[in-house]
Amino acid sequence: MAVPGSCEHSFKMIKSDTTLLLWQCNICTSGPHWYIYECQNCKLKTCRPCTAKA
């Protein structure tokens, strides 16, 4: 998934309450993660190290 270029990212951490729902980073494809950072504007999901890159 490409990173949207025109978004002013505002990340919020979201957590999984179950083992059935895990996330993968949209930038570096690391994962599965129990929690992930999601942009409130464009819904981009990234791991913690990638939030600084986005």
N, C-alpha and C. Protein backbone atom coordinates (compact mmCIF):
# COMPACT_ATOMS: atom_id res chain seq x y z
N MET A 1 0.85 -1.18 0.00
CA MET A 1 0.00 0.00 0.00
C MET A 1 0.89 1.23 0.00
N ALA A 2 0.62 2.16 -0.87
CA ALA A 2 1.41 3.37 -0.97
C ALA A 2 1.02 4.35 0.13
N VAL A 3 1.99 5.12 0.56
CA VAL A 3 1.75 6.12 1.59
C VAL A 3 1.14 7.35 0.93
N PRO A 4 -0.02 7.80 1.40
CA PRO A 4 -0.63 8.99 0.82
C PRO A 4 0.27 10.21 1.03
N GLY A 5 0.55 10.94 -0.03
CA GLY A 5 1.48 12.06 0.05
C GLY A 5 0.87 13.35 0.56
N SER A 6 -0.42 13.50 0.50
CA SER A 6 -1.05 14.77 0.86
C SER A 6 -1.68 14.77 2.24
N CYS A 7 -1.42 13.75 3.04
CA CYS A 7 -2.04 13.65 4.36
C CYS A 7 -1.12 14.19 5.44
N GLU A 8 -1.66 14.97 6.35
CA GLU A 8 -0.95 15.39 7.56
C GLU A 8 -1.27 14.35 8.60
N HIS A 9 -0.41 13.34 8.73
CA HIS A 9 -0.70 12.19 9.57
C HIS A 9 -0.87 12.56 11.04
N SER A 10 -1.88 11.99 11.63
CA SER A 10 -2.15 12.13 13.06
C SER A 10 -2.41 10.72 13.58
N PHE A 11 -1.37 10.10 14.16
CA PHE A 11 -1.45 8.70 14.54
C PHE A 11 -2.07 8.49 15.91
N LYS A 12 -2.85 7.42 16.00
CA LYS A 12 -3.48 6.99 17.25
C LYS A 12 -3.25 5.49 17.36
N MET A 13 -2.85 5.02 18.55
CA MET A 13 -2.59 3.60 18.74
C MET A 13 -3.93 2.87 18.91
N ILE A 14 -4.05 1.76 18.18
CA ILE A 14 -5.20 0.89 18.36
C ILE A 14 -4.69 -0.48 18.77
N LYS A 15 -5.41 -1.13 19.68
CA LYS A 15 -4.98 -2.42 20.23
C LYS A 15 -5.99 -3.49 19.89
N SER A 16 -5.50 -4.72 19.84
CA SER A 16 -6.36 -5.87 19.62
C SER A 16 -6.70 -6.50 20.96
N ASP A 17 -7.97 -6.77 21.17
CA ASP A 17 -8.41 -7.41 22.40
C ASP A 17 -8.49 -8.93 22.25
N THR A 18 -8.18 -9.43 21.07
CA THR A 18 -8.31 -10.85 20.79
C THR A 18 -7.10 -11.33 19.99
N THR A 19 -6.87 -12.62 19.99
CA THR A 19 -5.77 -13.17 19.20
C THR A 19 -6.17 -13.37 17.74
N LEU A 20 -7.43 -13.14 17.42
CA LEU A 20 -7.91 -13.32 16.05
C LEU A 20 -7.62 -12.11 15.16
N LEU A 21 -7.44 -10.94 15.77
CA LEU A 21 -7.22 -9.72 15.00
C LEU A 21 -5.82 -9.19 15.27
N LEU A 22 -4.95 -9.30 14.29
CA LEU A 22 -3.59 -8.79 14.36
C LEU A 22 -3.33 -7.96 13.11
N TRP A 23 -2.39 -7.03 13.19
CA TRP A 23 -2.13 -6.13 12.08
C TRP A 23 -0.74 -6.32 11.52
N GLN A 24 -0.58 -5.85 10.27
CA GLN A 24 0.71 -5.83 9.59
C GLN A 24 0.95 -4.38 9.17
N CYS A 25 2.19 -3.92 9.31
CA CYS A 25 2.55 -2.54 8.95
C CYS A 25 2.39 -2.35 7.44
N ASN A 26 1.75 -1.25 7.04
CA ASN A 26 1.55 -0.95 5.62
C ASN A 26 2.80 -0.43 4.94
N ILE A 27 3.82 -0.04 5.70
CA ILE A 27 5.05 0.51 5.10
C ILE A 27 6.13 -0.56 5.00
N CYS A 28 6.48 -1.19 6.12
CA CYS A 28 7.59 -2.16 6.11
C CYS A 28 7.12 -3.61 6.13
N THR A 29 5.84 -3.83 6.19
CA THR A 29 5.19 -5.15 6.21
C THR A 29 5.63 -6.03 7.38
N SER A 30 6.08 -5.42 8.48
CA SER A 30 6.40 -6.22 9.67
C SER A 30 5.11 -6.62 10.36
N GLY A 31 5.18 -7.65 11.14
CA GLY A 31 4.00 -8.08 11.86
C GLY A 31 3.99 -9.57 12.00
N PRO A 32 3.02 -10.11 12.61
CA PRO A 32 1.78 -9.49 13.10
C PRO A 32 2.00 -8.73 14.41
N HIS A 33 1.26 -7.65 14.58
CA HIS A 33 1.35 -6.78 15.75
C HIS A 33 0.05 -6.84 16.55
N TRP A 34 0.17 -6.84 17.88
CA TRP A 34 -0.99 -6.79 18.76
C TRP A 34 -1.58 -5.38 18.81
N TYR A 35 -0.74 -4.39 18.53
CA TYR A 35 -1.19 -3.01 18.46
C TYR A 35 -0.52 -2.36 17.26
N ILE A 36 -1.14 -1.32 16.74
CA ILE A 36 -0.61 -0.64 15.56
C ILE A 36 -1.03 0.82 15.65
N TYR A 37 -0.34 1.68 14.94
CA TYR A 37 -0.66 3.10 14.91
C TYR A 37 -1.41 3.39 13.62
N GLU A 38 -2.59 4.00 13.76
CA GLU A 38 -3.45 4.28 12.61
C GLU A 38 -3.62 5.79 12.46
N CYS A 39 -3.45 6.28 11.24
CA CYS A 39 -3.68 7.69 10.97
C CYS A 39 -5.19 7.95 11.03
N GLN A 40 -5.57 8.96 11.78
CA GLN A 40 -6.98 9.27 11.93
C GLN A 40 -7.58 9.87 10.66
N ASN A 41 -6.73 10.37 9.76
CA ASN A 41 -7.22 11.00 8.54
C ASN A 41 -7.33 10.01 7.37
N CYS A 42 -6.24 9.28 7.08
CA CYS A 42 -6.22 8.43 5.89
C CYS A 42 -6.25 6.94 6.20
N LYS A 43 -6.27 6.57 7.48
CA LYS A 43 -6.37 5.16 7.93
C LYS A 43 -5.13 4.34 7.61
N LEU A 44 -3.97 4.98 7.38
CA LEU A 44 -2.71 4.28 7.18
C LEU A 44 -2.33 3.62 8.50
N LYS A 45 -1.96 2.34 8.45
CA LYS A 45 -1.59 1.60 9.66
C LYS A 45 -0.09 1.30 9.61
N THR A 46 0.66 1.75 10.64
CA THR A 46 2.10 1.58 10.68
C THR A 46 2.55 1.10 12.04
N CYS A 47 3.74 0.45 12.06
CA CYS A 47 4.36 0.08 13.33
C CYS A 47 5.00 1.34 13.91
N ARG A 48 5.46 1.25 15.15
CA ARG A 48 6.02 2.42 15.83
C ARG A 48 7.22 3.02 15.10
N PRO A 49 8.21 2.24 14.64
CA PRO A 49 9.34 2.86 13.93
C PRO A 49 8.93 3.57 12.63
N CYS A 50 7.91 3.08 11.97
CA CYS A 50 7.48 3.68 10.69
C CYS A 50 6.64 4.94 10.87
N THR A 51 6.16 5.22 12.06
CA THR A 51 5.39 6.46 12.26
C THR A 51 6.28 7.68 12.03
N ALA A 52 7.57 7.55 12.32
CA ALA A 52 8.50 8.66 12.09
C ALA A 52 8.82 8.82 10.61
N LYS A 53 8.71 7.74 9.84
CA LYS A 53 9.01 7.78 8.40
C LYS A 53 7.86 8.34 7.58
N ALA A 54 6.64 8.19 8.08
CA ALA A 54 5.45 8.57 7.30
C ALA A 54 5.21 10.05 7.27
